[in-house]
Amino acid sequence: MFQRKVTRKGLAALLVFSVVVSVFGGSVAVNAAGKEKYKSSYLQFAKQQQKKTKKKLYYAIINASDGRMPVLLVTTADAWMKSSKNAVYASVYSYSGSKVVHIAEMQSTGSGYPLLKNGEYIVSGWHHSSQRLKVSGAKGYMKSVDGFGMEHAKCHKKSWTIVDGKKKDFVSKNISQKKALSMDYYMNAYENGGKAIVFQKVK
């Protein structure tokens, strides 16, 4: 009797384990298939843009979003750095409603400030300002800080949402020079694991 109970419990546990593996394993497979679909759409879009603009373009597909899907960055030869394969400017795109949608432009200044990926953010930097962008579906969430490193300058912390290429829910707050320096998104990303985004040629 005891042996039969143990066997039944073992079979029940095995059944539960099989169901869990099936569900979560299937979820992983679906997510992987979904990301491949995005990648295929992004590559096709980048090729179309190159043909349309008649310019040599470079692209990067990175996981810098709320986690639902990767995002596409496209840059031109003028902003692409051959020696490092990084860029100081890029258009950012996402995938929503079964199509590739434009989110925002990210601009850094000079080869010393290539666009970075830091966790779920794309980060750009200037001498006296920096921005970070997080993508969620067809929306972009931008934050910026400016004025630091400038004598007697007013510093600001700003945030806004980007929907259909337009700024919404814009908020600007005056902050101290010390606070602005401590919030510098670019330097903080660079010093805490942020990596320069590597671009490839659109073929």
N, C-alpha and C. Protein backbone atom coordinates (compact mmCIF):
# COMPACT_ATOMS: atom_id res chain seq x y z
N MET A 1 0.83 -1.20 0.00
CA MET A 1 0.00 0.00 0.00
C MET A 1 0.87 1.25 0.00
N PHE A 2 1.86 1.28 0.88
CA PHE A 2 2.78 2.43 0.96
C PHE A 2 3.50 2.62 -0.37
N GLN A 3 3.94 1.51 -0.98
CA GLN A 3 4.67 1.58 -2.23
C GLN A 3 3.78 2.12 -3.35
N ARG A 4 2.51 1.76 -3.34
CA ARG A 4 1.59 2.22 -4.36
C ARG A 4 1.36 3.73 -4.23
N LYS A 5 1.27 4.23 -2.95
CA LYS A 5 1.09 5.67 -2.72
C LYS A 5 2.30 6.45 -3.22
N VAL A 6 3.47 5.96 -2.92
CA VAL A 6 4.69 6.63 -3.34
C VAL A 6 4.74 6.71 -4.87
N THR A 7 4.38 5.60 -5.52
CA THR A 7 4.40 5.55 -6.97
C THR A 7 3.44 6.55 -7.58
N ARG A 8 2.24 6.63 -6.98
CA ARG A 8 1.25 7.57 -7.49
C ARG A 8 1.72 9.02 -7.31
N LYS A 9 2.33 9.29 -6.15
CA LYS A 9 2.85 10.64 -5.90
C LYS A 9 3.96 10.98 -6.89
N GLY A 10 4.81 9.95 -7.13
CA GLY A 10 5.92 10.18 -8.06
C GLY A 10 5.42 10.46 -9.46
N LEU A 11 4.39 9.69 -9.88
CA LEU A 11 3.82 9.92 -11.21
C LEU A 11 3.16 11.29 -11.30
N ALA A 12 2.48 11.69 -10.23
CA ALA A 12 1.83 13.01 -10.22
C ALA A 12 2.86 14.12 -10.32
N ALA A 13 3.94 13.98 -9.56
CA ALA A 13 5.01 14.99 -9.60
C ALA A 13 5.65 15.06 -10.98
N LEU A 14 5.86 13.88 -11.59
CA LEU A 14 6.44 13.83 -12.92
C LEU A 14 5.53 14.50 -13.94
N LEU A 15 4.23 14.29 -13.79
CA LEU A 15 3.26 14.90 -14.69
C LEU A 15 3.28 16.42 -14.58
N VAL A 16 3.27 16.90 -13.33
CA VAL A 16 3.32 18.35 -13.09
C VAL A 16 4.59 18.95 -13.69
N PHE A 17 5.73 18.27 -13.45
CA PHE A 17 7.02 18.74 -13.98
C PHE A 17 6.98 18.81 -15.51
N SER A 18 6.38 17.80 -16.14
CA SER A 18 6.30 17.76 -17.59
C SER A 18 5.47 18.91 -18.13
N VAL A 19 4.37 19.21 -17.43
CA VAL A 19 3.50 20.31 -17.86
C VAL A 19 4.24 21.64 -17.75
N VAL A 20 4.97 21.83 -16.62
CA VAL A 20 5.72 23.07 -16.41
C VAL A 20 6.77 23.25 -17.50
N VAL A 21 7.53 22.18 -17.77
CA VAL A 21 8.56 22.24 -18.81
C VAL A 21 7.94 22.56 -20.16
N SER A 22 6.79 21.93 -20.44
CA SER A 22 6.12 22.15 -21.73
C SER A 22 5.67 23.58 -21.89
N VAL A 23 5.06 24.14 -20.82
CA VAL A 23 4.54 25.50 -20.88
C VAL A 23 5.66 26.51 -21.02
N PHE A 24 6.64 26.44 -20.10
CA PHE A 24 7.72 27.42 -20.12
C PHE A 24 8.67 27.21 -21.29
N GLY A 25 8.91 25.97 -21.64
CA GLY A 25 9.75 25.70 -22.80
C GLY A 25 9.09 26.21 -24.07
N GLY A 26 7.77 26.02 -24.16
CA GLY A 26 7.03 26.52 -25.32
C GLY A 26 7.07 28.03 -25.36
N SER A 27 6.97 28.68 -24.18
CA SER A 27 7.02 30.14 -24.11
C SER A 27 8.34 30.67 -24.60
N VAL A 28 9.43 30.01 -24.20
CA VAL A 28 10.77 30.41 -24.65
C VAL A 28 10.89 30.28 -26.16
N ALA A 29 10.35 29.16 -26.69
CA ALA A 29 10.41 28.93 -28.13
C ALA A 29 9.62 29.99 -28.88
N VAL A 30 8.44 30.36 -28.36
CA VAL A 30 7.60 31.38 -28.99
C VAL A 30 8.32 32.73 -28.98
N ASN A 31 8.93 33.08 -27.82
CA ASN A 31 9.66 34.34 -27.72
C ASN A 31 10.82 34.40 -28.71
N ALA A 32 11.54 33.28 -28.83
CA ALA A 32 12.67 33.22 -29.75
C ALA A 32 12.20 33.40 -31.19
N ALA A 33 11.08 32.73 -31.51
CA ALA A 33 10.53 32.85 -32.86
C ALA A 33 10.08 34.28 -33.13
N GLY A 34 9.48 34.91 -32.10
CA GLY A 34 9.04 36.29 -32.24
C GLY A 34 10.19 37.23 -32.49
N LYS A 35 11.28 37.06 -31.78
CA LYS A 35 12.45 37.92 -31.95
C LYS A 35 13.09 37.73 -33.32
N GLU A 36 13.04 36.50 -33.83
CA GLU A 36 13.55 36.27 -35.18
C GLU A 36 12.69 36.98 -36.22
N LYS A 37 11.37 37.02 -35.96
CA LYS A 37 10.46 37.73 -36.87
C LYS A 37 10.80 39.22 -36.88
N TYR A 38 11.04 39.79 -35.70
CA TYR A 38 11.41 41.20 -35.62
C TYR A 38 12.72 41.44 -36.37
N LYS A 39 13.68 40.56 -36.14
CA LYS A 39 14.99 40.72 -36.78
C LYS A 39 14.86 40.70 -38.29
N SER A 40 14.08 39.77 -38.81
CA SER A 40 13.87 39.67 -40.25
C SER A 40 13.22 40.93 -40.80
N SER A 41 12.22 41.45 -40.08
CA SER A 41 11.53 42.67 -40.50
C SER A 41 12.47 43.86 -40.45
N TYR A 42 13.31 43.92 -39.41
CA TYR A 42 14.27 45.03 -39.28
C TYR A 42 15.29 45.02 -40.42
N LEU A 43 15.81 43.86 -40.75
CA LEU A 43 16.80 43.76 -41.81
C LEU A 43 16.19 44.18 -43.15
N GLN A 44 14.98 43.74 -43.40
CA GLN A 44 14.29 44.11 -44.64
C GLN A 44 14.06 45.62 -44.69
N PHE A 45 13.66 46.19 -43.56
CA PHE A 45 13.41 47.63 -43.48
C PHE A 45 14.70 48.41 -43.73
N ALA A 46 15.80 47.99 -43.12
CA ALA A 46 17.09 48.68 -43.29
C ALA A 46 17.52 48.65 -44.76
N LYS A 47 17.31 47.53 -45.41
CA LYS A 47 17.65 47.42 -46.84
C LYS A 47 16.79 48.36 -47.68
N GLN A 48 15.51 48.45 -47.35
CA GLN A 48 14.61 49.34 -48.06
C GLN A 48 15.02 50.79 -47.88
N GLN A 49 15.43 51.15 -46.64
CA GLN A 49 15.86 52.51 -46.36
C GLN A 49 17.13 52.85 -47.15
N GLN A 50 18.04 51.90 -47.24
CA GLN A 50 19.27 52.13 -47.99
C GLN A 50 18.96 52.35 -49.47
N LYS A 51 18.07 51.56 -49.99
CA LYS A 51 17.68 51.71 -51.40
C LYS A 51 16.95 53.03 -51.63
N LYS A 52 16.09 53.41 -50.69
CA LYS A 52 15.31 54.63 -50.81
C LYS A 52 16.18 55.88 -50.72
N THR A 53 17.11 55.90 -49.76
CA THR A 53 17.93 57.09 -49.54
C THR A 53 19.16 57.14 -50.45
N LYS A 54 19.51 55.98 -51.01
CA LYS A 54 20.71 55.86 -51.85
C LYS A 54 21.98 56.24 -51.09
N LYS A 55 21.96 55.95 -49.78
CA LYS A 55 23.11 56.20 -48.92
C LYS A 55 23.56 54.88 -48.29
N LYS A 56 24.85 54.79 -48.00
CA LYS A 56 25.34 53.60 -47.31
C LYS A 56 24.90 53.67 -45.86
N LEU A 57 24.17 52.66 -45.42
CA LEU A 57 23.65 52.65 -44.06
C LEU A 57 24.25 51.51 -43.23
N TYR A 58 24.16 51.69 -41.92
CA TYR A 58 24.65 50.70 -40.97
C TYR A 58 23.56 50.50 -39.92
N TYR A 59 23.49 49.28 -39.39
CA TYR A 59 22.40 48.98 -38.45
C TYR A 59 22.90 48.21 -37.24
N ALA A 60 22.08 48.27 -36.19
CA ALA A 60 22.31 47.45 -34.99
C ALA A 60 20.95 47.03 -34.47
N ILE A 61 20.83 45.77 -34.08
CA ILE A 61 19.60 45.25 -33.46
C ILE A 61 19.98 44.86 -32.04
N ILE A 62 19.42 45.56 -31.06
CA ILE A 62 19.83 45.36 -29.67
C ILE A 62 18.62 45.21 -28.75
N ASN A 63 18.85 44.61 -27.61
CA ASN A 63 17.81 44.49 -26.59
C ASN A 63 17.90 45.68 -25.64
N ALA A 64 17.33 46.79 -26.06
CA ALA A 64 17.32 48.01 -25.24
C ALA A 64 15.88 48.53 -25.21
N SER A 65 15.04 47.81 -24.46
CA SER A 65 13.63 48.16 -24.40
C SER A 65 13.08 47.64 -23.08
N ASP A 66 11.76 47.61 -22.98
CA ASP A 66 11.14 47.06 -21.77
C ASP A 66 11.16 45.54 -21.77
N GLY A 67 11.82 44.95 -22.76
CA GLY A 67 11.99 43.49 -22.78
C GLY A 67 11.07 42.76 -23.71
N ARG A 68 10.09 43.45 -24.28
CA ARG A 68 9.13 42.75 -25.14
C ARG A 68 9.69 42.42 -26.52
N MET A 69 10.63 43.23 -26.98
CA MET A 69 11.20 42.99 -28.30
C MET A 69 12.50 43.77 -28.44
N PRO A 70 13.37 43.38 -29.37
CA PRO A 70 14.58 44.15 -29.63
C PRO A 70 14.22 45.43 -30.39
N VAL A 71 15.17 46.35 -30.48
CA VAL A 71 14.96 47.58 -31.25
C VAL A 71 16.02 47.67 -32.35
N LEU A 72 15.71 48.47 -33.36
CA LEU A 72 16.61 48.67 -34.50
C LEU A 72 17.18 50.08 -34.46
N LEU A 73 18.49 50.20 -34.69
CA LEU A 73 19.13 51.49 -34.86
C LEU A 73 19.73 51.54 -36.26
N VAL A 74 19.53 52.64 -36.94
CA VAL A 74 20.08 52.81 -38.29
C VAL A 74 20.86 54.11 -38.33
N THR A 75 22.08 54.06 -38.86
CA THR A 75 22.91 55.25 -38.96
C THR A 75 23.52 55.36 -40.35
N THR A 76 24.11 56.51 -40.62
CA THR A 76 24.72 56.77 -41.93
C THR A 76 26.24 56.68 -41.84
N ALA A 77 26.88 56.69 -42.99
CA ALA A 77 28.33 56.62 -43.04
C ALA A 77 28.97 57.81 -42.33
N ASP A 78 28.30 58.97 -42.35
CA ASP A 78 28.85 60.17 -41.70
C ASP A 78 28.94 60.01 -40.19
N ALA A 79 28.02 59.25 -39.60
CA ALA A 79 27.99 59.10 -38.15
C ALA A 79 28.65 57.81 -37.67
N TRP A 80 29.00 56.93 -38.61
CA TRP A 80 29.59 55.64 -38.28
C TRP A 80 31.11 55.76 -38.21
N MET A 81 31.71 55.17 -37.18
CA MET A 81 33.16 55.25 -36.99
C MET A 81 33.79 53.93 -37.42
N LYS A 82 34.49 53.97 -38.52
CA LYS A 82 35.06 52.76 -39.13
C LYS A 82 35.99 52.02 -38.19
N SER A 83 36.80 52.76 -37.43
CA SER A 83 37.80 52.13 -36.56
C SER A 83 37.18 51.30 -35.44
N SER A 84 36.01 51.71 -34.98
CA SER A 84 35.39 51.03 -33.83
C SER A 84 34.05 50.38 -34.15
N LYS A 85 33.48 50.72 -35.32
CA LYS A 85 32.15 50.24 -35.73
C LYS A 85 31.06 50.76 -34.81
N ASN A 86 31.32 51.88 -34.15
CA ASN A 86 30.32 52.54 -33.32
C ASN A 86 29.75 53.73 -34.09
N ALA A 87 28.80 54.42 -33.50
CA ALA A 87 28.20 55.58 -34.16
C ALA A 87 27.85 56.65 -33.13
N VAL A 88 27.79 57.89 -33.58
CA VAL A 88 27.43 59.00 -32.70
C VAL A 88 26.02 59.51 -32.97
N TYR A 89 25.35 58.90 -33.94
CA TYR A 89 23.98 59.29 -34.26
C TYR A 89 23.24 58.08 -34.83
N ALA A 90 21.97 57.95 -34.49
CA ALA A 90 21.16 56.88 -35.09
C ALA A 90 19.68 57.17 -34.95
N SER A 91 18.93 56.68 -35.92
CA SER A 91 17.47 56.67 -35.83
C SER A 91 17.08 55.37 -35.12
N VAL A 92 16.14 55.47 -34.20
CA VAL A 92 15.72 54.31 -33.41
C VAL A 92 14.33 53.87 -33.86
N TYR A 93 14.18 52.57 -34.11
CA TYR A 93 12.91 52.01 -34.57
C TYR A 93 12.47 50.86 -33.67
N SER A 94 11.17 50.63 -33.64
CA SER A 94 10.61 49.51 -32.91
C SER A 94 9.64 48.77 -33.84
N TYR A 95 9.00 47.75 -33.33
CA TYR A 95 8.06 46.95 -34.12
C TYR A 95 6.71 46.97 -33.42
N SER A 96 5.70 47.48 -34.10
CA SER A 96 4.38 47.58 -33.49
C SER A 96 3.31 47.54 -34.58
N GLY A 97 2.21 46.88 -34.31
CA GLY A 97 1.14 46.79 -35.30
C GLY A 97 1.57 46.13 -36.58
N SER A 98 2.43 45.12 -36.45
CA SER A 98 2.94 44.35 -37.61
C SER A 98 3.77 45.18 -38.57
N LYS A 99 4.39 46.26 -38.06
CA LYS A 99 5.27 47.05 -38.93
C LYS A 99 6.37 47.73 -38.11
N VAL A 100 7.40 48.17 -38.80
CA VAL A 100 8.51 48.88 -38.16
C VAL A 100 8.10 50.34 -38.01
N VAL A 101 8.25 50.88 -36.80
CA VAL A 101 7.84 52.26 -36.53
C VAL A 101 9.02 53.07 -36.00
N HIS A 102 9.07 54.34 -36.39
CA HIS A 102 10.13 55.23 -35.93
C HIS A 102 9.82 55.73 -34.52
N ILE A 103 10.83 55.71 -33.66
CA ILE A 103 10.66 56.18 -32.29
C ILE A 103 11.30 57.55 -32.08
N ALA A 104 12.61 57.65 -32.32
CA ALA A 104 13.31 58.90 -32.02
C ALA A 104 14.68 58.91 -32.68
N GLU A 105 15.35 60.06 -32.59
CA GLU A 105 16.73 60.21 -33.01
C GLU A 105 17.60 60.31 -31.76
N MET A 106 18.74 59.64 -31.77
CA MET A 106 19.69 59.75 -30.65
C MET A 106 20.99 60.32 -31.20
N GLN A 107 21.49 61.39 -30.57
CA GLN A 107 22.65 62.12 -31.08
C GLN A 107 23.67 62.34 -29.97
N SER A 108 24.89 61.92 -30.21
CA SER A 108 26.02 62.24 -29.34
C SER A 108 26.92 63.23 -30.07
N THR A 109 28.01 63.62 -29.42
CA THR A 109 28.90 64.57 -30.07
C THR A 109 30.33 64.03 -30.06
N GLY A 110 30.91 63.89 -31.23
CA GLY A 110 32.31 63.48 -31.32
C GLY A 110 32.54 62.01 -31.04
N SER A 111 33.69 61.52 -31.50
CA SER A 111 34.02 60.10 -31.37
C SER A 111 34.20 59.66 -29.93
N GLY A 112 34.37 60.61 -29.01
CA GLY A 112 34.52 60.26 -27.60
C GLY A 112 33.22 59.90 -26.92
N TYR A 113 32.10 60.07 -27.63
CA TYR A 113 30.79 59.80 -27.04
C TYR A 113 29.95 58.89 -27.94
N PRO A 114 30.41 57.70 -28.27
CA PRO A 114 29.57 56.81 -29.10
C PRO A 114 28.29 56.45 -28.37
N LEU A 115 27.24 56.16 -29.11
CA LEU A 115 25.98 55.74 -28.49
C LEU A 115 26.22 54.47 -27.68
N LEU A 116 25.63 54.45 -26.49
CA LEU A 116 25.81 53.31 -25.58
C LEU A 116 24.51 52.55 -25.39
N LYS A 117 24.65 51.28 -25.05
CA LYS A 117 23.55 50.48 -24.52
C LYS A 117 23.87 50.19 -23.07
N ASN A 118 22.95 50.50 -22.20
CA ASN A 118 23.13 50.23 -20.77
C ASN A 118 21.83 49.65 -20.22
N GLY A 119 21.80 48.33 -20.07
CA GLY A 119 20.57 47.68 -19.64
C GLY A 119 19.48 47.88 -20.67
N GLU A 120 18.36 48.46 -20.25
CA GLU A 120 17.23 48.66 -21.16
C GLU A 120 17.26 50.04 -21.84
N TYR A 121 18.37 50.75 -21.70
CA TYR A 121 18.45 52.11 -22.23
C TYR A 121 19.45 52.26 -23.38
N ILE A 122 19.13 53.18 -24.30
CA ILE A 122 20.08 53.70 -25.28
C ILE A 122 20.49 55.07 -24.77
N VAL A 123 21.79 55.33 -24.71
CA VAL A 123 22.28 56.55 -24.06
C VAL A 123 23.15 57.35 -25.02
N SER A 124 22.94 58.67 -25.04
CA SER A 124 23.76 59.57 -25.84
C SER A 124 24.35 60.64 -24.94
N GLY A 125 25.50 61.20 -25.36
CA GLY A 125 26.17 62.18 -24.50
C GLY A 125 26.74 63.36 -25.25
N TRP A 126 26.70 64.51 -24.61
CA TRP A 126 27.34 65.72 -25.08
C TRP A 126 28.27 66.20 -23.97
N HIS A 127 28.96 67.31 -24.22
CA HIS A 127 29.85 67.85 -23.19
C HIS A 127 29.07 68.35 -21.98
N HIS A 128 27.86 68.85 -22.21
CA HIS A 128 27.10 69.46 -21.12
C HIS A 128 25.69 68.91 -20.99
N SER A 129 25.39 67.79 -21.63
CA SER A 129 24.07 67.18 -21.51
C SER A 129 24.12 65.71 -21.88
N SER A 130 23.13 64.99 -21.49
CA SER A 130 23.03 63.57 -21.87
C SER A 130 21.57 63.15 -21.87
N GLN A 131 21.29 62.10 -22.63
CA GLN A 131 19.93 61.59 -22.74
C GLN A 131 19.92 60.07 -22.65
N ARG A 132 18.82 59.54 -22.19
CA ARG A 132 18.64 58.09 -22.24
C ARG A 132 17.22 57.78 -22.69
N LEU A 133 17.10 56.75 -23.50
CA LEU A 133 15.83 56.38 -24.11
C LEU A 133 15.50 54.93 -23.81
N LYS A 134 14.27 54.70 -23.40
CA LYS A 134 13.75 53.33 -23.27
C LYS A 134 12.56 53.18 -24.20
N VAL A 135 12.53 52.08 -24.94
CA VAL A 135 11.47 51.83 -25.90
C VAL A 135 10.48 50.82 -25.34
N SER A 136 9.20 51.09 -25.57
CA SER A 136 8.15 50.16 -25.17
C SER A 136 7.10 50.13 -26.27
N GLY A 137 7.17 49.09 -27.10
CA GLY A 137 6.24 49.02 -28.23
C GLY A 137 6.47 50.19 -29.17
N ALA A 138 5.40 50.96 -29.43
CA ALA A 138 5.50 52.10 -30.34
C ALA A 138 5.84 53.40 -29.61
N LYS A 139 6.14 53.32 -28.33
CA LYS A 139 6.42 54.52 -27.54
C LYS A 139 7.89 54.58 -27.10
N GLY A 140 8.35 55.81 -26.92
CA GLY A 140 9.68 56.02 -26.38
C GLY A 140 9.58 56.84 -25.11
N TYR A 141 10.42 56.53 -24.14
CA TYR A 141 10.45 57.27 -22.87
C TYR A 141 11.83 57.88 -22.73
N MET A 142 11.89 59.20 -22.87
CA MET A 142 13.17 59.91 -22.87
C MET A 142 13.36 60.71 -21.59
N LYS A 143 14.60 60.68 -21.10
CA LYS A 143 15.00 61.54 -19.99
C LYS A 143 16.30 62.23 -20.37
N SER A 144 16.45 63.48 -19.95
CA SER A 144 17.67 64.21 -20.25
C SER A 144 18.07 65.07 -19.06
N VAL A 145 19.35 65.38 -18.99
CA VAL A 145 19.86 66.32 -18.00
C VAL A 145 20.85 67.22 -18.73
N ASP A 146 20.81 68.52 -18.46
CA ASP A 146 21.69 69.43 -19.19
C ASP A 146 22.17 70.57 -18.29
N GLY A 147 23.20 71.26 -18.80
CA GLY A 147 23.74 72.42 -18.10
C GLY A 147 24.96 72.15 -17.26
N PHE A 148 25.26 70.89 -16.98
CA PHE A 148 26.40 70.58 -16.11
C PHE A 148 27.71 70.89 -16.83
N GLY A 149 28.70 71.30 -16.06
CA GLY A 149 30.00 71.62 -16.63
C GLY A 149 30.09 72.99 -17.26
N MET A 150 29.02 73.77 -17.18
CA MET A 150 29.00 75.12 -17.74
C MET A 150 28.93 76.13 -16.60
N GLU A 151 29.79 77.11 -16.67
CA GLU A 151 29.87 78.09 -15.60
C GLU A 151 28.62 78.97 -15.57
N HIS A 152 28.02 79.08 -14.39
CA HIS A 152 26.83 79.92 -14.15
C HIS A 152 25.62 79.51 -15.01
N ALA A 153 25.62 78.31 -15.51
CA ALA A 153 24.50 77.86 -16.34
C ALA A 153 23.40 77.26 -15.47
N LYS A 154 22.16 77.40 -15.94
CA LYS A 154 21.05 76.74 -15.27
C LYS A 154 21.01 75.29 -15.72
N CYS A 155 20.77 74.40 -14.80
CA CYS A 155 20.71 72.97 -15.12
C CYS A 155 19.26 72.49 -15.05
N HIS A 156 18.95 71.53 -15.90
CA HIS A 156 17.58 71.03 -15.98
C HIS A 156 17.53 69.51 -16.04
N LYS A 157 16.50 68.98 -15.46
CA LYS A 157 16.16 67.57 -15.60
C LYS A 157 14.84 67.53 -16.37
N LYS A 158 14.83 66.82 -17.51
CA LYS A 158 13.64 66.80 -18.35
C LYS A 158 13.22 65.37 -18.65
N SER A 159 11.95 65.19 -18.89
CA SER A 159 11.45 63.88 -19.30
C SER A 159 10.24 64.07 -20.20
N TRP A 160 10.05 63.14 -21.13
CA TRP A 160 8.89 63.19 -22.00
C TRP A 160 8.66 61.83 -22.64
N THR A 161 7.46 61.65 -23.12
CA THR A 161 7.08 60.44 -23.85
C THR A 161 6.98 60.79 -25.33
N ILE A 162 7.40 59.87 -26.17
CA ILE A 162 7.33 60.07 -27.62
C ILE A 162 6.28 59.13 -28.18
N VAL A 163 5.26 59.70 -28.79
CA VAL A 163 4.18 58.91 -29.41
C VAL A 163 3.94 59.46 -30.81
N ASP A 164 4.04 58.60 -31.81
CA ASP A 164 3.87 59.01 -33.21
C ASP A 164 4.81 60.16 -33.57
N GLY A 165 6.01 60.10 -33.04
CA GLY A 165 7.02 61.10 -33.36
C GLY A 165 6.85 62.43 -32.64
N LYS A 166 5.88 62.52 -31.75
CA LYS A 166 5.62 63.78 -31.06
C LYS A 166 5.87 63.66 -29.55
N LYS A 167 6.35 64.76 -28.95
CA LYS A 167 6.58 64.80 -27.52
C LYS A 167 5.26 64.94 -26.77
N LYS A 168 5.11 64.16 -25.71
CA LYS A 168 3.94 64.26 -24.85
C LYS A 168 4.38 64.20 -23.39
N ASP A 169 3.57 64.76 -22.53
CA ASP A 169 3.84 64.73 -21.08
C ASP A 169 5.23 65.29 -20.75
N PHE A 170 5.58 66.40 -21.39
CA PHE A 170 6.90 67.01 -21.18
C PHE A 170 6.97 67.65 -19.80
N VAL A 171 8.05 67.33 -19.07
CA VAL A 171 8.28 67.90 -17.74
C VAL A 171 9.71 68.40 -17.66
N SER A 172 9.90 69.62 -17.17
CA SER A 172 11.24 70.19 -17.00
C SER A 172 11.36 70.76 -15.59
N LYS A 173 12.46 70.44 -14.94
CA LYS A 173 12.67 70.89 -13.56
C LYS A 173 14.08 71.45 -13.41
N ASN A 174 14.19 72.61 -12.79
CA ASN A 174 15.51 73.18 -12.50
C ASN A 174 16.18 72.37 -11.40
N ILE A 175 17.45 72.06 -11.58
CA ILE A 175 18.21 71.33 -10.57
C ILE A 175 19.58 72.00 -10.39
N SER A 176 20.26 71.65 -9.33
CA SER A 176 21.56 72.25 -9.05
C SER A 176 22.64 71.66 -9.96
N GLN A 177 23.75 72.40 -10.09
CA GLN A 177 24.88 71.92 -10.88
C GLN A 177 25.39 70.58 -10.33
N LYS A 178 25.43 70.48 -9.01
CA LYS A 178 25.91 69.25 -8.37
C LYS A 178 24.98 68.08 -8.69
N LYS A 179 23.69 68.33 -8.63
CA LYS A 179 22.71 67.28 -8.93
C LYS A 179 22.81 66.85 -10.39
N ALA A 180 22.97 67.84 -11.28
CA ALA A 180 23.07 67.53 -12.71
C ALA A 180 24.29 66.68 -13.01
N LEU A 181 25.42 67.02 -12.40
CA LEU A 181 26.63 66.23 -12.59
C LEU A 181 26.44 64.79 -12.12
N SER A 182 25.78 64.64 -10.99
CA SER A 182 25.58 63.29 -10.44
C SER A 182 24.60 62.48 -11.29
N MET A 183 23.76 63.16 -12.05
CA MET A 183 22.76 62.48 -12.86
C MET A 183 23.21 62.25 -14.30
N ASP A 184 24.38 62.71 -14.67
CA ASP A 184 24.87 62.58 -16.05
C ASP A 184 24.68 61.13 -16.53
N TYR A 185 23.66 60.91 -17.36
CA TYR A 185 23.30 59.56 -17.80
C TYR A 185 24.44 58.88 -18.56
N TYR A 186 25.14 59.66 -19.36
CA TYR A 186 26.19 59.06 -20.18
C TYR A 186 27.35 58.57 -19.33
N MET A 187 27.87 59.42 -18.44
CA MET A 187 29.00 59.01 -17.61
C MET A 187 28.63 57.88 -16.67
N ASN A 188 27.42 57.96 -16.12
CA ASN A 188 26.96 56.88 -15.23
C ASN A 188 26.86 55.56 -15.98
N ALA A 189 26.37 55.60 -17.22
CA ALA A 189 26.27 54.38 -18.03
C ALA A 189 27.66 53.86 -18.36
N TYR A 190 28.54 54.77 -18.76
CA TYR A 190 29.90 54.39 -19.15
C TYR A 190 30.65 53.74 -17.99
N GLU A 191 30.44 54.26 -16.79
CA GLU A 191 31.17 53.77 -15.61
C GLU A 191 30.51 52.55 -14.98
N ASN A 192 29.31 52.21 -15.43
CA ASN A 192 28.58 51.09 -14.81
C ASN A 192 28.13 50.04 -15.83
N GLY A 193 29.05 49.67 -16.68
CA GLY A 193 28.79 48.54 -17.58
C GLY A 193 28.20 48.87 -18.93
N GLY A 194 27.98 50.15 -19.22
CA GLY A 194 27.45 50.50 -20.54
C GLY A 194 28.44 50.17 -21.63
N LYS A 195 27.95 49.69 -22.76
CA LYS A 195 28.80 49.30 -23.87
C LYS A 195 28.45 50.08 -25.12
N ALA A 196 29.49 50.48 -25.88
CA ALA A 196 29.25 51.17 -27.14
C ALA A 196 28.53 50.22 -28.10
N ILE A 197 27.51 50.71 -28.77
CA ILE A 197 26.71 49.88 -29.69
C ILE A 197 27.50 49.64 -30.97
N VAL A 198 27.58 48.40 -31.37
CA VAL A 198 28.33 48.01 -32.58
C VAL A 198 27.36 47.90 -33.75
N PHE A 199 27.69 48.58 -34.84
CA PHE A 199 26.86 48.60 -36.04
C PHE A 199 27.47 47.74 -37.14
N GLN A 200 26.60 47.21 -37.99
CA GLN A 200 27.04 46.42 -39.14
C GLN A 200 26.55 47.08 -40.43
N LYS A 201 27.23 46.77 -41.52
CA LYS A 201 26.81 47.31 -42.81
C LYS A 201 25.51 46.67 -43.25
N VAL A 202 24.65 47.49 -43.82
CA VAL A 202 23.45 46.96 -44.45
C VAL A 202 23.85 46.38 -45.81
N LYS A 203 23.55 45.14 -46.02
CA LYS A 203 23.96 44.47 -47.27
C LYS A 203 22.83 44.38 -48.25
